[in-house]
Amino acid sequence: MRNFFMKVPRDLVDAAIINGTSPFRILVNVVLPLSMPAIATISLFYAVYY
């Protein structure tokens, strides 16, 4: 997950900061939607192995 979060384009986060978005809104509205494939994969592995 860390590597996936690190690959989120910095320009998107900078654009959200310029628009006055709070850090929580950046996480919820920018980073998490881009991270859905990784979250789904980890959830699938968790469901299969537990």
N, C-alpha and C. Protein backbone atom coordinates (compact mmCIF):
# COMPACT_ATOMS: atom_id res chain seq x y z
N MET A 1 0.83 -1.19 0.00
CA MET A 1 0.00 0.00 0.00
C MET A 1 0.87 1.25 0.00
N ARG A 2 1.93 1.20 0.74
CA ARG A 2 2.79 2.38 0.82
C ARG A 2 3.30 2.76 -0.57
N ASN A 3 3.77 1.77 -1.31
CA ASN A 3 4.29 2.05 -2.64
C ASN A 3 3.19 2.57 -3.56
N PHE A 4 2.00 2.06 -3.41
CA PHE A 4 0.91 2.54 -4.26
C PHE A 4 0.59 3.99 -3.92
N PHE A 5 0.57 4.33 -2.63
CA PHE A 5 0.31 5.72 -2.24
C PHE A 5 1.44 6.64 -2.70
N MET A 6 2.65 6.13 -2.72
CA MET A 6 3.78 6.95 -3.15
C MET A 6 3.74 7.23 -4.65
N LYS A 7 3.04 6.40 -5.41
CA LYS A 7 2.96 6.57 -6.86
C LYS A 7 1.84 7.51 -7.29
N VAL A 8 1.02 7.98 -6.35
CA VAL A 8 -0.02 8.95 -6.70
C VAL A 8 0.68 10.22 -7.17
N PRO A 9 0.30 10.73 -8.33
CA PRO A 9 0.98 11.92 -8.85
C PRO A 9 0.92 13.11 -7.89
N ARG A 10 2.07 13.66 -7.61
CA ARG A 10 2.17 14.79 -6.69
C ARG A 10 1.41 16.01 -7.23
N ASP A 11 1.31 16.11 -8.54
CA ASP A 11 0.60 17.24 -9.13
C ASP A 11 -0.87 17.26 -8.73
N LEU A 12 -1.48 16.10 -8.59
CA LEU A 12 -2.89 16.05 -8.17
C LEU A 12 -3.04 16.55 -6.74
N VAL A 13 -2.14 16.16 -5.88
CA VAL A 13 -2.19 16.61 -4.49
C VAL A 13 -1.91 18.11 -4.41
N ASP A 14 -0.94 18.58 -5.18
CA ASP A 14 -0.63 20.01 -5.19
C ASP A 14 -1.81 20.83 -5.71
N ALA A 15 -2.50 20.33 -6.73
CA ALA A 15 -3.66 21.04 -7.26
C ALA A 15 -4.77 21.12 -6.21
N ALA A 16 -4.95 20.05 -5.46
CA ALA A 16 -5.96 20.07 -4.40
C ALA A 16 -5.58 21.04 -3.29
N ILE A 17 -4.30 21.11 -2.97
CA ILE A 17 -3.84 22.06 -1.94
C ILE A 17 -4.05 23.49 -2.41
N ILE A 18 -3.75 23.77 -3.67
CA ILE A 18 -3.95 25.11 -4.21
C ILE A 18 -5.42 25.50 -4.16
N ASN A 19 -6.31 24.53 -4.38
CA ASN A 19 -7.75 24.81 -4.34
C ASN A 19 -8.28 24.94 -2.93
N GLY A 20 -7.43 24.73 -1.92
CA GLY A 20 -7.84 24.94 -0.54
C GLY A 20 -8.46 23.72 0.11
N THR A 21 -8.17 22.56 -0.39
CA THR A 21 -8.73 21.33 0.16
C THR A 21 -7.96 20.92 1.42
N SER A 22 -8.69 20.44 2.42
CA SER A 22 -8.06 19.98 3.65
C SER A 22 -7.37 18.64 3.41
N PRO A 23 -6.40 18.29 4.26
CA PRO A 23 -5.70 17.01 4.08
C PRO A 23 -6.63 15.79 4.09
N PHE A 24 -7.66 15.82 4.92
CA PHE A 24 -8.60 14.70 4.95
C PHE A 24 -9.36 14.58 3.64
N ARG A 25 -9.79 15.71 3.08
CA ARG A 25 -10.51 15.69 1.80
C ARG A 25 -9.60 15.24 0.67
N ILE A 26 -8.31 15.59 0.74
CA ILE A 26 -7.36 15.11 -0.27
C ILE A 26 -7.28 13.59 -0.21
N LEU A 27 -7.22 13.05 0.99
CA LEU A 27 -7.16 11.60 1.15
C LEU A 27 -8.42 10.95 0.59
N VAL A 28 -9.59 11.46 0.99
CA VAL A 28 -10.85 10.84 0.62
C VAL A 28 -11.19 11.05 -0.86
N ASN A 29 -10.97 12.23 -1.38
CA ASN A 29 -11.42 12.56 -2.73
C ASN A 29 -10.38 12.37 -3.82
N VAL A 30 -9.11 12.30 -3.48
CA VAL A 30 -8.07 12.18 -4.50
C VAL A 30 -7.33 10.86 -4.38
N VAL A 31 -6.79 10.58 -3.21
CA VAL A 31 -5.89 9.43 -3.06
C VAL A 31 -6.65 8.11 -3.01
N LEU A 32 -7.71 8.01 -2.21
CA LEU A 32 -8.42 6.75 -2.09
C LEU A 32 -9.07 6.28 -3.40
N PRO A 33 -9.73 7.14 -4.18
CA PRO A 33 -10.27 6.65 -5.45
C PRO A 33 -9.19 6.12 -6.39
N LEU A 34 -8.02 6.71 -6.37
CA LEU A 34 -6.93 6.21 -7.22
C LEU A 34 -6.35 4.91 -6.67
N SER A 35 -6.55 4.65 -5.39
CA SER A 35 -5.99 3.46 -4.74
C SER A 35 -6.95 2.28 -4.70
N MET A 36 -8.11 2.40 -5.28
CA MET A 36 -9.11 1.33 -5.20
C MET A 36 -8.60 -0.01 -5.73
N PRO A 37 -7.83 -0.08 -6.81
CA PRO A 37 -7.34 -1.40 -7.24
C PRO A 37 -6.47 -2.09 -6.18
N ALA A 38 -5.62 -1.34 -5.52
CA ALA A 38 -4.77 -1.92 -4.48
C ALA A 38 -5.60 -2.32 -3.27
N ILE A 39 -6.55 -1.51 -2.90
CA ILE A 39 -7.41 -1.83 -1.75
C ILE A 39 -8.24 -3.07 -2.05
N ALA A 40 -8.75 -3.19 -3.27
CA ALA A 40 -9.53 -4.37 -3.64
C ALA A 40 -8.67 -5.63 -3.63
N THR A 41 -7.44 -5.53 -4.10
CA THR A 41 -6.55 -6.69 -4.11
C THR A 41 -6.22 -7.14 -2.70
N ILE A 42 -5.91 -6.21 -1.82
CA ILE A 42 -5.60 -6.57 -0.44
C ILE A 42 -6.84 -7.14 0.25
N SER A 43 -8.00 -6.59 -0.03
CA SER A 43 -9.24 -7.12 0.56
C SER A 43 -9.50 -8.53 0.08
N LEU A 44 -9.25 -8.80 -1.19
CA LEU A 44 -9.45 -10.13 -1.73
C LEU A 44 -8.50 -11.13 -1.07
N PHE A 45 -7.23 -10.78 -0.95
CA PHE A 45 -6.28 -11.66 -0.28
C PHE A 45 -6.68 -11.90 1.17
N TYR A 46 -7.13 -10.88 1.83
CA TYR A 46 -7.56 -11.02 3.23
C TYR A 46 -8.76 -11.95 3.33
N ALA A 47 -9.73 -11.82 2.42
CA ALA A 47 -10.92 -12.65 2.45
C ALA A 47 -10.60 -14.11 2.15
N VAL A 48 -9.64 -14.36 1.27
CA VAL A 48 -9.32 -15.74 0.88
C VAL A 48 -8.53 -16.44 1.98
N TYR A 49 -7.61 -15.75 2.59
CA TYR A 49 -6.71 -16.41 3.54
C TYR A 49 -7.22 -16.41 4.98
N TYR A 50 -8.31 -15.70 5.28
CA TYR A 50 -8.82 -15.70 6.65
C TYR A 50 -10.25 -16.13 6.70
